[in-house]
Each structure stands twice: as structure tokens, then as C-alpha cells.
């Protein structure tokens, strides 16, 4: 059995993203305009530059006269970034820039796609990054064929580690050293060892990274054989399967399908979290809903998870996710969820029940 590991530099390591989010969430405002730019690089750069220019023309009018020099300096820095050429693997870009007395310059490329957004204010707009982090956890994809397995660690939509396991060759020597029965017995043993080695590699990678999700892909026969060989703890982490074999040595389409499949799994988990929140609220359990109740739960240290709708008004949404990020509270972002929106678009699962402040 041969194995080799290829660990390309990830476009954006999730731990580094966590650090950046904490920095941005705890950033002190000082009155200077802070640009928060999120760009979909699938859009031609000329079009993005034009959109940014038009947006700046409107935004500078609303900037106090005494702060326009800082605005222009920040704009010049963003303009310089937009002149760069990015490889095709970079699909989106987040930029945070502030000039003036306490300058800030932070740029983050991603393999996943972000919606183009421009904003300026005294504090950074981090919800798109929170949403990206929630949608694309770190997970493992295994694409199995008859004679090899490719094991991918996916971080924020990009391959952050890749391990190739290949079945060792067996020279058929029937009629000389081996009988045909002997050969088939050795082949079965060889296949079993190969399968065990794959399981060991998957277990090692998931344990080392603390990963909880696994996607299996390939021909149904190969996928089912591998799944049957997984121990119970690993089998329970199989989020879904992609029954599609790669096209020769081209694994890109299958990998893309696996990433899309994981996004759907994450959306289902979000719905499950909302249903759990709803159940707790209905029976007066460990949950609160509404903006003020959620903010209070986080302030008092009672919140274990913030559950927030992307449909919540932007200023409120930004305030709540900044607060949760600064306090290191888990965040679940939900898309188009009518049940959560019926609760005001936000809620918190609690560690313990809050006592009303007006209780005697």
C-alpha cells in the first residue's frame, strides 16, 4: 500500500478566519470611516471596479467633511487591491480598510463564493464572514475507486489537505509459485488490508483535526464497501454520499458535487437547530427569542448558541453577530426559515434558564 500527502496552502484557514473575526468584532470605533468590502470574483473585475466607484461617489456625500480625507485614503487602498489579478481558485475576497489615526488593512481571499457588498461605517460588517464560516465547516471527502482512495480535507470550500492511497500491485504468478486459489486468497487479504488502511487514514485525519462530518463519493459498490468497513463512531459521522465515479484522473466534478452536498447537509442541520429552538420556546425551556431577549442572554452569559436569520435587518444582524463573536458564542445562520422569522428572526439556546429582571 502506498500513500502520499499533499497539503497545499489553504486560501483561508478556518482558524485564521476565526482570529480575524474576533479582531474585527472587538475593534474599537474611532470615528474614521471603515470600509467593509465583500467581492464575488466570478464577476469581471472591470465591473466590480465600476460598481465600487459608483458606490463611493454616493457614500462620500454622507461622510462628514472632516472625515473625507480618511475616506479618500481608504478608497485609494481598496482601488489598489482591485487592480490586482487573482487566480481562478480565488472566487471571493473580503477587504476591511480604515485610514486615519488607527489604520486597519485586512484582506481575505476565499475559494467559496461571497455576494458582492459595499459598506462604510464606524464598525466592520462581518455577517458575510460569519455566514461563510457557518456554511463551510471543515470536513472530509473520500473519493474511492477500485484501486485508490483520495481523501480530501475541505476548509471553507478549498482543499486544505489531500491524501492519496493506492492499492499495491500483485503480479499474477499462477502456475508457478501460486495456485489460482492461492492467488485469489492473497488478493482478498490484500484488498482487506487496503480497506483497513483507508479507514485508519480517515480516522487519523478526522481525529487530528477534530472533524465531525464525512462525505463518501464514488461508484456505489466502492462507497458501500468502504462505509460497511467504518467503525460505528466514523459511520455516524457520514453526513451523506455522492454516488458518482470520477472521470479517469479528474476528480474535480465529484469533489464539487460533494461540497454542494455538504452545504445542503449544513442547511438541514440549521433547520434542525431552529426546530430545537422552537421546541424549547414552546415548552418554556432553555431558549429565548427576539432581539432584546437574545442580546440579554448573551450579556448575562446564559447563551450557548445564537440562531439568527439572514433576513434580519442588517444593522441589528451585525450588532448581534459582533457581540456573539466577541463572546465566543456559537452562531447558526439560517436562510429563508419561516419558523425562525416567526420568532423575530433571532433566538438563543441557553445554558441555563434566565430569571426575569423584574422578578421579586
Protein backbone atom coordinates (compact mmCIF):
# COMPACT_ATOMS: atom_id res chain seq x y z
CA UNK A 1 0.00 0.00 0.00
CA UNK A 2 1.36 3.43 -0.88
CA UNK A 3 0.20 6.75 0.45
CA UNK A 4 1.30 10.29 -0.07
CA UNK A 5 0.09 13.53 1.43
CA UNK A 6 -0.21 16.81 -0.40
CA UNK A 7 -1.02 19.80 1.81
CA UNK A 8 -1.35 22.95 -0.31
CA UNK A 9 -1.63 26.27 1.45
CA UNK A 10 -5.31 26.83 2.12
CA UNK A 11 -6.74 30.03 0.68
CA UNK A 12 -8.11 30.80 4.10
CA UNK A 13 -7.56 28.61 7.12
CA UNK A 14 -10.63 28.44 9.30
CA UNK A 15 -8.60 29.10 12.44
CA UNK A 16 -7.17 32.24 10.88
CA UNK A 17 -10.67 33.31 9.88
CA UNK A 18 -11.76 32.83 13.49
CA UNK A 19 -8.89 35.07 14.65
CA UNK A 20 -9.77 37.75 12.10
CA UNK A 21 -13.45 37.65 13.10
CA UNK A 22 -12.51 38.12 16.76
CA UNK A 23 -10.25 41.04 15.86
CA UNK A 24 -12.98 42.69 13.80
CA UNK A 25 -15.73 42.02 16.36
CA UNK A 26 -13.73 43.65 19.16
CA UNK A 27 -12.41 46.56 17.09
CA UNK A 28 -12.95 49.92 18.71
CA UNK A 29 -14.62 52.62 16.63
CA UNK A 30 -12.82 55.96 16.40
CA UNK A 31 -14.99 57.99 14.02
CA UNK A 32 -12.92 57.31 10.90
CA UNK A 33 -14.82 55.59 8.07
CA UNK A 34 -14.18 51.86 7.85
CA UNK A 35 -14.73 50.14 4.51
CA UNK A 36 -16.17 46.60 4.56
CA UNK A 37 -16.00 45.17 1.04
CA UNK A 38 -17.07 41.65 0.03
CA UNK A 39 -16.49 40.77 -3.62
CA UNK A 40 -17.71 37.95 -5.85
CA UNK A 41 -14.70 37.50 -8.12
CA UNK A 42 -16.76 35.45 -10.57
CA UNK A 43 -17.89 38.93 -11.69
CA UNK A 44 -15.38 40.57 -14.08
CA UNK A 45 -13.01 42.89 -12.23
CA UNK A 46 -13.83 45.82 -14.51
CA UNK A 47 -17.48 45.54 -13.48
CA UNK A 48 -16.53 45.36 -9.79
CA UNK A 49 -14.32 48.43 -10.12
CA UNK A 50 -17.17 50.32 -11.79
CA UNK A 51 -19.64 49.31 -9.06
CA UNK A 52 -17.19 50.32 -6.35
CA UNK A 53 -16.59 53.71 -7.99
CA UNK A 54 -20.32 54.44 -8.24
CA UNK A 55 -20.86 53.35 -4.64
CA UNK A 56 -18.02 55.59 -3.42
CA UNK A 57 -19.48 58.59 -5.24
CA UNK A 58 -22.71 58.16 -3.27
CA UNK A 59 -21.12 57.16 0.06
CA UNK A 60 -18.68 60.07 0.27
CA UNK A 61 -21.59 62.54 0.23
CA UNK A 62 -22.86 61.06 3.50
CA UNK A 63 -19.40 61.26 5.10
CA UNK A 64 -18.75 64.26 7.39
CA UNK A 65 -16.47 66.81 5.74
CA UNK A 66 -13.79 66.41 8.41
CA UNK A 67 -13.57 62.67 7.65
CA UNK A 68 -13.45 62.82 3.86
CA UNK A 69 -9.66 62.73 3.71
CA UNK A 70 -9.75 59.45 5.64
CA UNK A 71 -12.49 58.21 3.29
CA UNK A 72 -10.40 59.05 0.21
CA UNK A 73 -7.29 57.40 1.68
CA UNK A 74 -9.22 54.21 2.44
CA UNK A 75 -10.74 54.25 -1.04
CA UNK A 76 -7.31 54.56 -2.63
CA UNK A 77 -6.16 51.46 -0.76
CA UNK A 78 -9.18 49.47 -1.95
CA UNK A 79 -8.64 50.75 -5.51
CA UNK A 80 -5.08 49.39 -5.37
CA UNK A 81 -6.33 45.97 -4.25
CA UNK A 82 -8.89 45.91 -7.08
CA UNK A 83 -6.08 46.38 -9.62
CA UNK A 84 -4.56 43.03 -8.69
CA UNK A 85 -5.15 39.89 -10.72
CA UNK A 86 -6.37 36.87 -8.79
CA UNK A 87 -6.03 33.19 -9.74
CA UNK A 88 -9.19 31.33 -10.77
CA UNK A 89 -9.11 29.40 -7.48
CA UNK A 90 -9.90 32.63 -5.62
CA UNK A 91 -13.66 33.10 -6.03
CA UNK A 92 -14.27 35.85 -3.50
CA UNK A 93 -12.49 38.46 -1.48
CA UNK A 94 -13.20 40.33 1.75
CA UNK A 95 -11.47 43.65 2.41
CA UNK A 96 -11.55 45.78 5.57
CA UNK A 97 -9.77 49.13 5.36
CA UNK A 98 -9.63 52.15 7.65
CA UNK A 99 -7.26 55.10 7.31
CA UNK A 100 -6.64 57.85 9.85
CA UNK A 101 -5.26 57.63 13.39
CA UNK A 102 -5.86 53.90 13.91
CA UNK A 103 -5.46 52.37 10.43
CA UNK A 104 -6.69 48.91 9.54
CA UNK A 105 -5.91 46.87 6.44
CA UNK A 106 -7.17 43.31 6.24
CA UNK A 107 -7.71 41.26 3.09
CA UNK A 108 -9.02 37.69 2.96
CA UNK A 109 -9.28 35.55 -0.22
CA UNK A 110 -11.69 32.59 -0.33
CA UNK A 111 -12.35 29.65 -2.60
CA UNK A 112 -16.06 29.80 -1.69
CA UNK A 113 -18.32 32.49 -3.16
CA UNK A 114 -19.47 35.62 -1.36
CA UNK A 115 -22.11 38.06 -2.55
CA UNK A 116 -20.71 41.45 -3.59
CA UNK A 117 -21.43 44.06 -0.90
CA UNK A 118 -20.03 47.51 -0.13
CA UNK A 119 -20.49 49.29 3.18
CA UNK A 120 -18.82 52.00 5.22
CA UNK A 121 -19.34 52.83 8.86
CA UNK A 122 -17.61 53.13 12.19
CA UNK A 123 -17.58 49.33 12.69
CA UNK A 124 -16.85 46.43 10.30
CA UNK A 125 -19.65 44.46 8.60
CA UNK A 126 -18.75 40.86 9.43
CA UNK A 127 -22.01 38.96 8.86
CA UNK A 128 -20.94 37.62 5.42
CA UNK A 129 -17.86 36.07 7.05
CA UNK A 130 -19.91 34.62 9.91
CA UNK A 131 -22.27 33.14 7.33
CA UNK A 132 -19.36 31.71 5.33
CA UNK A 133 -17.80 30.16 8.45
CA UNK A 134 -21.14 28.61 9.43
CA UNK A 135 -21.87 27.26 5.94
CA UNK A 136 -18.46 25.76 5.18
CA UNK A 137 -17.17 23.86 8.18
CA UNK A 138 -14.02 21.84 7.86
CA UNK A 139 -14.97 18.35 6.69
CA UNK A 140 -13.57 15.29 4.87
CA UNK A 141 -14.44 13.93 1.42
CA UNK A 142 -13.32 10.43 0.40
CA UNK A 143 -13.50 9.58 -3.32
CA UNK A 144 -12.96 5.84 -3.74
CA UNK A 145 -12.25 3.81 -6.85
CA UNK A 146 -11.26 0.18 -7.37
CA UNK A 147 -7.56 0.79 -6.87
CA UNK A 148 -7.26 4.08 -4.98
CA UNK A 149 -8.81 6.46 -2.49
CA UNK A 150 -8.36 10.20 -2.46
CA UNK A 151 -9.03 11.68 0.96
CA UNK A 152 -9.62 15.44 0.96
CA UNK A 153 -9.92 17.82 3.87
CA UNK A 154 -12.09 20.75 2.79
CA UNK A 155 -11.73 24.09 4.55
CA UNK A 156 -14.10 26.90 3.57
CA UNK A 157 -14.68 25.33 0.17
CA UNK A 158 -10.98 24.77 -0.59
CA UNK A 159 -8.85 21.62 -0.38
CA UNK A 160 -6.56 22.11 2.62
CA UNK A 161 -5.12 18.59 2.71
CA UNK A 162 -5.12 15.68 0.29
CA UNK A 163 -4.01 12.08 0.89
CA UNK A 164 -3.73 9.51 -1.89
CA UNK A 165 -3.93 5.83 -1.00
CA UNK A 166 -3.28 3.27 -3.76
CA UNK A 167 -3.73 -0.48 -3.86
CA UNK A 168 -0.35 -2.28 -4.19
CA UNK A 169 0.16 -4.22 -7.38
CA UNK A 170 0.05 -8.02 -7.36
CA UNK A 171 1.86 -9.85 -10.11
CA UNK A 172 -0.15 -12.86 -11.17
CA UNK A 173 2.10 -15.89 -10.92
CA UNK A 174 -0.50 -18.63 -11.24
CA UNK A 175 1.00 -21.89 -12.36
CA UNK A 176 4.44 -21.14 -10.96
CA UNK A 177 4.72 -20.16 -7.26
CA UNK A 178 0.94 -19.74 -6.71
CA UNK A 179 -2.11 -21.77 -7.47
CA UNK A 180 -5.15 -19.80 -8.69
CA UNK A 181 -6.86 -20.38 -5.32
CA UNK A 182 -3.77 -19.13 -3.51
CA UNK A 183 -3.68 -16.02 -5.69
CA UNK A 184 -7.34 -15.15 -5.02
CA UNK A 185 -6.85 -15.68 -1.30
CA UNK A 186 -3.85 -13.34 -1.26
CA UNK A 187 -5.79 -10.78 -3.31
CA UNK A 188 -8.67 -10.83 -0.83
CA UNK A 189 -6.21 -10.30 2.02
CA UNK A 190 -4.53 -7.51 0.06
CA UNK A 191 -7.90 -5.82 -0.53
CA UNK A 192 -8.83 -6.13 3.16
CA UNK A 193 -5.53 -4.54 4.23
CA UNK A 194 -6.03 -1.74 1.72
CA UNK A 195 -9.54 -1.10 3.03
CA UNK A 196 -8.32 -1.11 6.65
CA UNK A 197 -5.52 1.33 5.79
CA UNK A 198 -8.06 3.71 4.21
CA UNK A 199 -10.22 3.59 7.33
CA UNK A 200 -7.15 4.23 9.51
CA UNK A 201 -6.18 7.25 7.38
CA UNK A 202 -9.69 8.71 7.57
CA UNK A 203 -9.85 8.15 11.33
CA UNK A 204 -6.42 9.72 11.85
CA UNK A 205 -7.24 12.83 9.80
CA UNK A 206 -10.62 13.36 11.44
CA UNK A 207 -9.22 12.82 14.92
CA UNK A 208 -6.25 15.10 14.32
CA UNK A 209 -8.47 17.93 13.07
CA UNK A 210 -11.42 17.32 15.37
CA UNK A 211 -13.76 16.85 12.39
CA UNK A 212 -17.34 15.63 12.67
CA UNK A 213 -18.51 15.35 9.06
CA UNK A 214 -17.57 12.89 6.33
CA UNK A 215 -18.78 12.66 2.72
CA UNK A 216 -18.19 9.42 0.78
CA UNK A 217 -18.11 9.51 -3.03
CA UNK A 218 -17.54 7.14 -5.93
CA UNK A 219 -19.21 4.16 -7.59
CA UNK A 220 -21.98 2.77 -5.32
CA UNK A 221 -20.17 -0.57 -4.92
CA UNK A 222 -16.96 1.10 -3.74
CA UNK A 223 -18.80 3.58 -1.49
CA UNK A 224 -20.90 0.87 0.15
CA UNK A 225 -17.85 -1.35 0.73
CA UNK A 226 -15.98 1.49 2.45
CA UNK A 227 -18.98 2.56 4.52
CA UNK A 228 -19.53 -1.01 5.74
CA UNK A 229 -15.89 -1.11 6.91
CA UNK A 230 -16.12 2.05 9.01
CA UNK A 231 -16.35 1.65 12.78
CA UNK A 232 -19.55 2.91 14.37
CA UNK A 233 -18.09 6.23 15.53
CA UNK A 234 -16.92 7.08 11.99
CA UNK A 235 -20.02 5.71 10.28
CA UNK A 236 -22.15 8.01 12.45
CA UNK A 237 -20.23 10.98 11.03
CA UNK A 238 -21.08 10.18 7.40
CA UNK A 239 -23.18 13.21 6.50
CA UNK A 240 -24.08 11.95 3.02
CA UNK A 241 -22.84 10.05 -0.04
CA UNK A 242 -22.26 11.04 -3.67
CA UNK A 243 -22.78 8.04 -5.91
CA UNK A 244 -20.68 9.24 -8.81
CA UNK A 245 -17.35 7.91 -10.05
CA UNK A 246 -14.60 10.29 -11.20
CA UNK A 247 -13.82 10.72 -14.87
CA UNK A 248 -10.46 8.99 -15.10
CA UNK A 249 -8.00 11.01 -13.04
CA UNK A 250 -10.25 14.08 -13.00
CA UNK A 251 -11.82 14.27 -9.54
CA UNK A 252 -12.90 17.92 -9.74
CA UNK A 253 -16.58 17.37 -10.67
CA UNK A 254 -17.11 14.75 -7.98
CA UNK A 255 -15.40 16.98 -5.42
CA UNK A 256 -17.63 19.91 -6.43
CA UNK A 257 -20.72 17.70 -6.02
CA UNK A 258 -19.52 16.64 -2.59
CA UNK A 259 -19.09 20.27 -1.49
CA UNK A 260 -22.60 21.14 -2.71
CA UNK A 261 -23.92 18.09 -0.89
CA UNK A 262 -22.29 19.25 2.33
CA UNK A 263 -23.85 22.71 2.01
CA UNK A 264 -27.26 21.03 1.78
CA UNK A 265 -26.44 18.94 4.86
CA UNK A 266 -25.49 22.09 6.76
CA UNK A 267 -28.76 23.76 5.75
CA UNK A 268 -30.68 20.73 7.07
CA UNK A 269 -28.75 20.99 10.34
CA UNK A 270 -29.70 24.67 10.55
CA UNK A 271 -33.36 23.74 10.20
CA UNK A 272 -32.89 21.16 12.93
CA UNK A 273 -31.41 23.80 15.23
CA UNK A 274 -34.37 26.10 14.60
CA UNK A 275 -36.81 23.29 15.38
CA UNK A 276 -34.94 22.63 18.63
CA UNK A 277 -35.13 26.34 19.48
CA UNK A 278 -38.86 26.36 18.71
CA UNK A 279 -39.47 23.28 20.85
CA UNK A 280 -37.64 24.80 23.81
CA UNK A 281 -39.56 28.07 23.48
CA UNK A 282 -42.94 26.31 23.25
CA UNK A 283 -42.39 24.42 26.49
CA UNK A 284 -40.69 27.26 28.34
CA UNK A 285 -37.33 25.53 28.21
CA UNK A 286 -33.76 26.64 27.61
CA UNK A 287 -34.29 29.16 24.83
CA UNK A 288 -35.30 32.76 24.23
CA UNK A 289 -36.34 34.53 21.02
CA UNK A 290 -36.36 38.13 19.88
CA UNK A 291 -33.62 40.74 19.57
CA UNK A 292 -33.61 42.14 23.10
CA UNK A 293 -34.05 38.77 24.81
CA UNK A 294 -31.17 37.34 22.75
CA UNK A 295 -28.93 40.30 23.49
CA UNK A 296 -29.70 39.98 27.20
CA UNK A 297 -29.00 36.24 27.18
CA UNK A 298 -25.58 36.87 25.66
CA UNK A 299 -24.83 39.74 28.07
CA UNK A 300 -25.62 37.53 31.07
CA UNK A 301 -23.50 34.65 29.77
CA UNK A 302 -26.51 32.33 29.51
CA UNK A 303 -26.45 31.85 25.73
CA UNK A 304 -24.85 28.71 24.32
CA UNK A 305 -25.73 29.43 20.67
CA UNK A 306 -27.08 32.38 18.69
CA UNK A 307 -29.56 31.31 15.99
CA UNK A 308 -30.01 34.13 13.51
CA UNK A 309 -31.80 34.66 10.22
CA UNK A 310 -30.09 36.22 7.24
CA UNK A 311 -33.39 38.12 6.72
CA UNK A 312 -32.93 40.15 9.92
CA UNK A 313 -32.32 43.86 9.24
CA UNK A 314 -28.63 44.44 8.58
CA UNK A 315 -27.76 46.82 11.48
CA UNK A 316 -29.39 44.54 14.07
CA UNK A 317 -27.86 41.45 12.48
CA UNK A 318 -24.37 42.95 12.53
CA UNK A 319 -24.71 44.09 16.15
CA UNK A 320 -25.76 40.62 17.33
CA UNK A 321 -23.11 38.64 15.42
CA UNK A 322 -20.36 41.03 16.55
CA UNK A 323 -21.49 40.52 20.12
CA UNK A 324 -21.67 36.73 19.80
CA UNK A 325 -18.27 36.58 18.09
CA UNK A 326 -16.61 38.73 20.73
CA UNK A 327 -18.08 36.49 23.46
CA UNK A 328 -17.14 33.31 21.54
CA UNK A 329 -20.74 32.12 21.36
CA UNK A 330 -21.55 29.64 18.59
CA UNK A 331 -23.59 31.12 15.72
CA UNK A 332 -26.05 29.27 13.48
CA UNK A 333 -27.10 31.26 10.40
CA UNK A 334 -30.41 30.28 8.79
CA UNK A 335 -31.59 31.07 5.27
CA UNK A 336 -35.25 31.64 4.35
CA UNK A 337 -36.52 29.98 7.52
CA UNK A 338 -40.16 30.90 8.14
CA UNK A 339 -40.20 29.32 11.60
CA UNK A 340 -37.27 31.43 12.83
CA UNK A 341 -38.68 34.55 11.17
CA UNK A 342 -41.94 33.95 13.07
CA UNK A 343 -39.88 34.36 16.26
CA UNK A 344 -38.46 37.72 15.15
CA UNK A 345 -35.56 36.32 13.15
CA UNK A 346 -33.30 35.54 16.10
CA UNK A 347 -33.08 33.45 19.25
CA UNK A 348 -30.64 31.86 21.65
CA UNK A 349 -30.32 28.36 23.01
CA UNK A 350 -29.40 28.67 26.68
CA UNK A 351 -27.07 27.02 29.14
CA UNK A 352 -29.45 27.83 31.97
CA UNK A 353 -32.83 29.50 32.35
CA UNK A 354 -32.81 33.28 32.71
CA UNK A 355 -34.61 34.83 35.66
CA UNK A 356 -36.69 37.87 34.62
CA UNK A 357 -35.09 41.11 35.82
CA UNK A 358 -38.37 42.28 37.35
CA UNK A 359 -38.86 39.10 39.39
CA UNK A 360 -39.38 39.73 43.08
